[in-house]
C-alpha atoms as a PDB file:
ATOM      1  CA  MET A   1    -141.154 -56.470   1.054  1.00  0.00           C
ATOM      2  CA  LYS A   2    -139.981 -58.043  -2.581  1.00  0.00           C
ATOM      3  CA  THR A   3    -136.541 -56.723  -3.521  1.00  0.00           C
ATOM      4  CA  SER A   4    -135.565 -58.627  -6.885  1.00  0.00           C
ATOM      5  CA  ARG A   5    -133.402 -59.798  -8.237  1.00  0.00           C
ATOM      6  CA  SER A   6    -132.134 -56.965 -10.170  1.00  0.00           C
ATOM      7  CA  ALA A   7    -131.720 -54.960  -7.121  1.00  0.00           C
ATOM      8  CA  LEU A   8    -130.421 -57.844  -4.706  1.00  0.00           C
ATOM      9  CA  ALA A   9    -127.293 -58.180  -7.908  1.00  0.00           C
ATOM     10  CA  ALA A  10    -126.595 -54.403  -7.878  1.00  0.00           C
ATOM     11  CA  LEU A  11    -126.489 -54.439  -4.119  1.00  0.00           C
ATOM     12  CA  ALA A  12    -124.041 -57.658  -4.478  1.00  0.00           C
ATOM     13  CA  ALA A  13    -121.859 -56.112  -7.200  1.00  0.00           C
ATOM     14  CA  THR A  14    -121.900 -52.077  -5.347  1.00  0.00           C
ATOM     15  CA  VAL A  15    -120.973 -54.601  -1.939  1.00  0.00           C
ATOM     16  CA  LEU A  16    -118.464 -56.852  -3.120  1.00  0.00           C
ATOM     17  CA  VAL A  17    -117.332 -53.926  -5.368  1.00  0.00           C
ATOM     18  CA  LEU A  18    -116.807 -51.575  -1.836  1.00  0.00           C
ATOM     19  CA  MET A  19    -114.928 -54.277   0.174  1.00  0.00           C
ATOM     20  CA  LEU A  20    -112.128 -55.298  -2.672  1.00  0.00           C
ATOM     21  CA  SER A  21    -111.295 -51.094  -2.647  1.00  0.00           C
ATOM     22  CA  ALA A  22    -110.651 -51.770   0.607  1.00  0.00           C
ATOM     23  CA  CYS A  23    -108.447 -54.408   0.060  1.00  0.00           C
ATOM     24  CA  TRP A  24    -107.253 -52.426  -2.101  1.00  0.00           C
ATOM     25  CA  PRO A  25    -103.892 -50.744  -0.323  1.00  0.00           C
ATOM     26  CA  GLY A  26    -104.539 -46.787  -0.651  1.00  0.00           C
ATOM     27  CA  GLY A  27    -107.673 -46.892  -1.796  1.00  0.00           C
ATOM     28  CA  THR A  28    -109.263 -47.612  -4.625  1.00  0.00           C
ATOM     29  CA  PRO A  29    -106.065 -47.461  -7.737  1.00  0.00           C
ATOM     30  CA  SER A  30    -105.887 -44.567  -9.712  1.00  0.00           C
ATOM     31  CA  ALA A  31    -105.874 -44.975 -13.442  1.00  0.00           C
ATOM     32  CA  ASP A  32    -102.172 -43.137 -13.884  1.00  0.00           C
ATOM     33  CA  PRO A  33     -99.627 -43.588 -10.609  1.00  0.00           C
ATOM     34  CA  SER A  34     -98.739 -39.588 -12.031  1.00  0.00           C
ATOM     35  CA  ASP A  35    -101.981 -38.254 -11.425  1.00  0.00           C
ATOM     36  CA  THR A  36    -101.606 -37.800  -7.563  1.00  0.00           C
ATOM     37  CA  PRO A  37    -100.432 -34.514  -6.393  1.00  0.00           C
ATOM     38  CA  THR A  38     -96.935 -34.559  -5.035  1.00  0.00           C
ATOM     39  CA  THR A  39     -95.052 -31.965  -2.669  1.00  0.00           C
ATOM     40  CA  PRO A  40     -92.136 -31.114  -3.540  1.00  0.00           C
ATOM     41  CA  VAL A  41     -88.982 -31.317  -0.962  1.00  0.00           C
ATOM     42  CA  GLU A  42     -86.614 -29.107  -0.673  1.00  0.00           C
ATOM     43  CA  THR A  43     -83.061 -30.237   0.092  1.00  0.00           C
ATOM     44  CA  VAL A  44     -80.295 -28.580   2.096  1.00  0.00           C
ATOM     45  CA  VAL A  45     -76.781 -28.478   1.464  1.00  0.00           C
ATOM     46  CA  PRO A  46     -75.014 -28.172   3.916  1.00  0.00           C
ATOM     47  CA  GLU A  47     -72.921 -25.821   3.769  1.00  0.00           C
ATOM     48  CA  GLU A  48     -69.492 -26.976   4.131  1.00  0.00           C
ATOM     49  CA  THR A  49     -66.819 -25.180   7.336  1.00  0.00           C
ATOM     50  CA  GLU A  50     -63.574 -25.252   7.171  1.00  0.00           C
ATOM     51  CA  THR A  51     -61.146 -27.104  10.248  1.00  0.00           C
ATOM     52  CA  PRO A  52     -59.072 -24.049  10.293  1.00  0.00           C
ATOM     53  CA  GLU A  53     -55.397 -25.785  11.140  1.00  0.00           C
ATOM     54  CA  PRO A  54     -53.802 -24.850  14.087  1.00  0.00           C
ATOM     55  CA  GLU A  55     -51.736 -21.784  13.312  1.00  0.00           C
ATOM     56  CA  GLY A  56     -48.582 -23.515  15.322  1.00  0.00           C
ATOM     57  CA  LEU A  57     -46.831 -21.290  18.166  1.00  0.00           C
ATOM     58  CA  ASP A  58     -45.267 -18.277  16.815  1.00  0.00           C
ATOM     59  CA  GLU A  59     -41.650 -16.342  18.433  1.00  0.00           C
ATOM     60  CA  ASP A  60     -43.283 -14.701  21.432  1.00  0.00           C
ATOM     61  CA  ASP A  61     -44.898 -18.578  22.434  1.00  0.00           C
ATOM     62  CA  TYR A  62     -41.161 -19.938  21.625  1.00  0.00           C
ATOM     63  CA  ALA A  63     -39.511 -16.667  23.889  1.00  0.00           C
ATOM     64  CA  ASN A  64     -42.272 -17.388  26.541  1.00  0.00           C
ATOM     65  CA  ILE A  65     -40.932 -20.846  27.153  1.00  0.00           C
ATOM     66  CA  LEU A  66     -37.697 -20.273  26.875  1.00  0.00           C
ATOM     67  CA  ALA A  67     -38.258 -17.400  30.230  1.00  0.00           C
ATOM     68  CA  ALA A  68     -40.078 -19.637  31.335  1.00  0.00           C
ATOM     69  CA  ILE A  69     -37.442 -22.499  31.820  1.00  0.00           C
ATOM     70  CA  GLU A  70     -35.225 -20.212  32.593  1.00  0.00           C
ATOM     71  CA  THR A  71     -36.885 -18.306  35.597  1.00  0.00           C
ATOM     72  CA  GLY A  72     -38.195 -21.621  36.917  1.00  0.00           C
ATOM     73  CA  ASN A  73     -41.822 -20.117  36.245  1.00  0.00           C
ATOM     74  CA  THR A  74     -43.141 -22.983  34.336  1.00  0.00           C
ATOM     75  CA  ALA A  75     -45.900 -22.636  35.571  1.00  0.00           C
ATOM     76  CA  ALA A  76     -46.464 -20.078  32.706  1.00  0.00           C
ATOM     77  CA  ILE A  77     -46.304 -22.846  29.594  1.00  0.00           C
ATOM     78  CA  GLU A  78     -49.111 -24.699  31.350  1.00  0.00           C
ATOM     79  CA  SER A  79     -51.416 -23.059  28.480  1.00  0.00           C
ATOM     80  CA  TYR A  80     -49.765 -24.620  25.784  1.00  0.00           C
ATOM     81  CA  LEU A  81     -49.735 -28.308  27.266  1.00  0.00           C
ATOM     82  CA  SER A  82     -51.693 -31.464  25.428  1.00  0.00           C
ATOM     83  CA  ASN A  83     -53.971 -32.908  27.933  1.00  0.00           C
ATOM     84  CA  PRO A  84     -52.294 -36.328  28.959  1.00  0.00           C
ATOM     85  CA  VAL A  85     -48.267 -34.643  27.830  1.00  0.00           C
ATOM     86  CA  ASN A  86     -45.385 -37.307  27.142  1.00  0.00           C
ATOM     87  CA  PHE A  87     -42.966 -36.473  29.981  1.00  0.00           C
ATOM     88  CA  ILE A  88     -39.672 -38.246  29.987  1.00  0.00           C
ATOM     89  CA  ILE A  89     -36.692 -37.958  32.042  1.00  0.00           C
ATOM     90  CA  ALA A  90     -33.281 -39.454  29.941  1.00  0.00           C
ATOM     91  CA  ALA A  91     -32.083 -42.068  31.591  1.00  0.00           C
ATOM     92  CA  SER A  92     -35.043 -43.105  34.390  1.00  0.00           C
ATOM     93  CA  GLU A  93     -38.595 -44.426  34.337  1.00  0.00           C
ATOM     94  CA  CYS A  94     -39.959 -41.601  34.644  1.00  0.00           C
ATOM     95  CA  CYS A  95     -43.096 -40.423  33.370  1.00  0.00           C
ATOM     96  CA  GLY A  96     -44.822 -41.264  30.439  1.00  0.00           C
ATOM     97  CA  PRO A  97     -48.405 -39.579  29.597  1.00  0.00           C
ATOM     98  CA  VAL A  98     -49.108 -37.657  32.169  1.00  0.00           C
ATOM     99  CA  THR A  99     -51.071 -34.125  33.251  1.00  0.00           C
ATOM    100  CA  PRO A 100     -50.678 -30.994  32.642  1.00  0.00           C
ATOM    101  CA  VAL A 101     -50.204 -29.919  35.862  1.00  0.00           C
ATOM    102  CA  GLU A 102     -47.324 -33.037  36.814  1.00  0.00           C
ATOM    103  CA  ALA A 103     -45.248 -31.942  33.682  1.00  0.00           C
ATOM    104  CA  ILE A 104     -45.453 -28.369  34.937  1.00  0.00           C
ATOM    105  CA  ALA A 105     -43.974 -29.485  38.678  1.00  0.00           C
ATOM    106  CA  ASN A 106     -42.218 -32.739  37.253  1.00  0.00           C
ATOM    107  CA  LEU A 107     -39.871 -30.132  34.931  1.00  0.00           C
ATOM    108  CA  ASP A 108     -39.018 -28.270  37.977  1.00  0.00           C
ATOM    109  CA  TYR A 109     -36.504 -31.272  37.428  1.00  0.00           C
ATOM    110  CA  ALA A 110     -35.661 -28.508  35.200  1.00  0.00           C
ATOM    111  CA  GLU A 111     -33.498 -26.541  38.173  1.00  0.00           C
ATOM    112  CA  GLY A 112     -30.580 -27.639  37.724  1.00  0.00           C
ATOM    113  CA  GLY A 113     -29.369 -26.215  34.937  1.00  0.00           C
ATOM    114  CA  ALA A 114     -27.417 -22.976  35.512  1.00  0.00           C
ATOM    115  CA  ASP A 115     -28.798 -19.408  33.726  1.00  0.00           C
ATOM    116  CA  PRO A 116     -28.917 -18.246  31.089  1.00  0.00           C
ATOM    117  CA  TRP A 117     -30.554 -21.099  28.805  1.00  0.00           C
ATOM    118  CA  THR A 118     -30.528 -20.561  24.651  1.00  0.00           C
ATOM    119  CA  VAL A 119     -32.473 -22.412  22.140  1.00  0.00           C
ATOM    120  CA  THR A 120     -29.943 -25.514  20.798  1.00  0.00           C
ATOM    121  CA  PRO A 121     -28.494 -24.362  17.408  1.00  0.00           C
ATOM    122  CA  GLU A 122     -29.692 -27.152  15.173  1.00  0.00           C
ATOM    123  CA  GLY A 123     -27.148 -28.668  13.858  1.00  0.00           C
ATOM    124  CA  THR A 124     -26.997 -29.944  17.116  1.00  0.00           C
ATOM    125  CA  VAL A 125     -29.650 -31.034  17.571  1.00  0.00           C
ATOM    126  CA  ASP A 126     -29.205 -32.770  14.135  1.00  0.00           C
ATOM    127  CA  VAL A 127     -26.515 -34.803  16.729  1.00  0.00           C
ATOM    128  CA  TYR A 128     -29.262 -36.055  18.877  1.00  0.00           C
ATOM    129  CA  ARG A 129     -31.346 -37.127  16.282  1.00  0.00           C
ATOM    130  CA  THR A 130     -29.067 -40.140  15.728  1.00  0.00           C
ATOM    131  CA  GLY A 131     -28.386 -40.305  19.436  1.00  0.00           C
ATOM    132  CA  PHE A 132     -30.535 -43.208  21.198  1.00  0.00           C
ATOM    133  CA  TYR A 133     -33.472 -40.842  21.905  1.00  0.00           C
ATOM    134  CA  VAL A 134     -33.900 -39.941  18.485  1.00  0.00           C
ATOM    135  CA  ASP A 135     -38.141 -39.941  19.444  1.00  0.00           C
ATOM    136  CA  TYR A 136     -37.196 -37.201  20.970  1.00  0.00           C
ATOM    137  CA  PHE A 137     -36.084 -34.709  18.636  1.00  0.00           C
ATOM    138  CA  PRO A 138     -38.751 -34.607  16.170  1.00  0.00           C
ATOM    139  CA  GLU A 139     -38.579 -32.263  13.662  1.00  0.00           C
ATOM    140  CA  GLY A 140     -39.518 -28.811  14.323  1.00  0.00           C
ATOM    141  CA  ALA A 141     -39.294 -29.707  18.227  1.00  0.00           C
ATOM    142  CA  PHE A 142     -38.079 -26.529  19.989  1.00  0.00           C
ATOM    143  CA  VAL A 143     -34.661 -27.292  22.185  1.00  0.00           C
ATOM    144  CA  VAL A 144     -33.120 -25.399  24.609  1.00  0.00           C
ATOM    145  CA  GLU A 145     -30.248 -25.735  26.637  1.00  0.00           C
ATOM    146  CA  SER A 146     -28.439 -24.770  29.900  1.00  0.00           C
ATOM    147  CA  ALA A 147     -25.312 -22.877  30.358  1.00  0.00           C
ATOM    148  CA  ASP A 148     -23.760 -25.780  32.793  1.00  0.00           C
ATOM    149  CA  ALA A 149     -20.273 -27.519  30.662  1.00  0.00           C
ATOM    150  CA  ASP A 150     -22.594 -30.538  29.975  1.00  0.00           C
ATOM    151  CA  PRO A 151     -26.362 -28.408  29.923  1.00  0.00           C
ATOM    152  CA  MET A 152     -28.880 -30.267  30.268  1.00  0.00           C
ATOM    153  CA  VAL A 153     -30.948 -30.748  27.640  1.00  0.00           C
ATOM    154  CA  ILE A 154     -35.024 -29.523  26.790  1.00  0.00           C
ATOM    155  CA  SER A 155     -36.849 -30.451  23.662  1.00  0.00           C
ATOM    156  CA  PHE A 156     -40.824 -29.927  22.953  1.00  0.00           C
ATOM    157  CA  THR A 157     -42.723 -31.105  21.041  1.00  0.00           C
ATOM    158  CA  ILE A 158     -44.669 -29.126  19.068  1.00  0.00           C
ATOM    159  CA  ALA A 159     -48.423 -29.986  17.028  1.00  0.00           C
ATOM    160  CA  GLY A 160     -49.837 -27.285  16.116  1.00  0.00           C
ATOM    161  CA  ASP A 161     -50.275 -24.988  18.860  1.00  0.00           C
ATOM    162  CA  GLU A 162     -50.243 -27.562  21.432  1.00  0.00           C
ATOM    163  CA  ILE A 163     -47.073 -28.848  23.883  1.00  0.00           C
ATOM    164  CA  THR A 164     -47.901 -32.669  23.128  1.00  0.00           C
ATOM    165  CA  GLY A 165     -43.625 -33.913  24.446  1.00  0.00           C
ATOM    166  CA  ILE A 166     -40.880 -32.926  26.896  1.00  0.00           C
ATOM    167  CA  PHE A 167     -38.343 -35.145  27.263  1.00  0.00           C
ATOM    168  CA  ILE A 168     -35.455 -33.659  29.395  1.00  0.00           C
ATOM    169  CA  SER A 169     -31.793 -35.008  29.832  1.00  0.00           C
ATOM    170  CA  ALA A 170     -29.545 -34.152  32.831  1.00  0.00           C
ATOM    171  CA  GLY A 171     -26.444 -33.613  29.879  1.00  0.00           C
ATOM    172  CA  ALA A 172     -25.972 -33.448  26.767  1.00  0.00           C
ATOM    173  CA  SER A 173     -23.728 -36.345  26.671  1.00  0.00           C
ATOM    174  CA  LEU A 174     -26.424 -38.815  27.695  1.00  0.00           C
ATOM    175  CA  LEU A 175     -27.575 -38.193  23.935  1.00  0.00           C
ATOM    176  CA  MET A 176     -24.234 -38.755  22.343  1.00  0.00           C
ATOM    177  CA  PRO A 177     -24.464 -41.400  19.540  1.00  0.00           C
END
């Protein structure tokens, strides 16, 4: 079989074009890149969700806490406690961060206070804030005291709808500046 030069040249040119097109990224280049079809991409924007602020404790919650101390049924306040909760007894080495169960057990210390327990007047709490234990009487603390001559004092630090700290003093005289 005899092949003409022009046929060989045409064959060589075709092979060369095929080889070059195989080396081109994406195959054969198109004249206009906008000619390639595109699939529209739907952008999904997530809905903004607001994290609700804790509502805080209400009058009933405060009444429950006071009743739990007065009756000695301190287990009733366990559901209010953060985990951990900072539990401190004035003039002692006790305790620091503890679990809610440990805090409830430590609240047995308050059984030494005479009934009735009452909410400490804000003016008295302001005096406690000038003493050594100022950190345990932050704004918004719920402070109760026993009916003793030198009343036992318990300060509950509240954050949102949780008790994050409990401070107990065997007597208010320890809290004076």
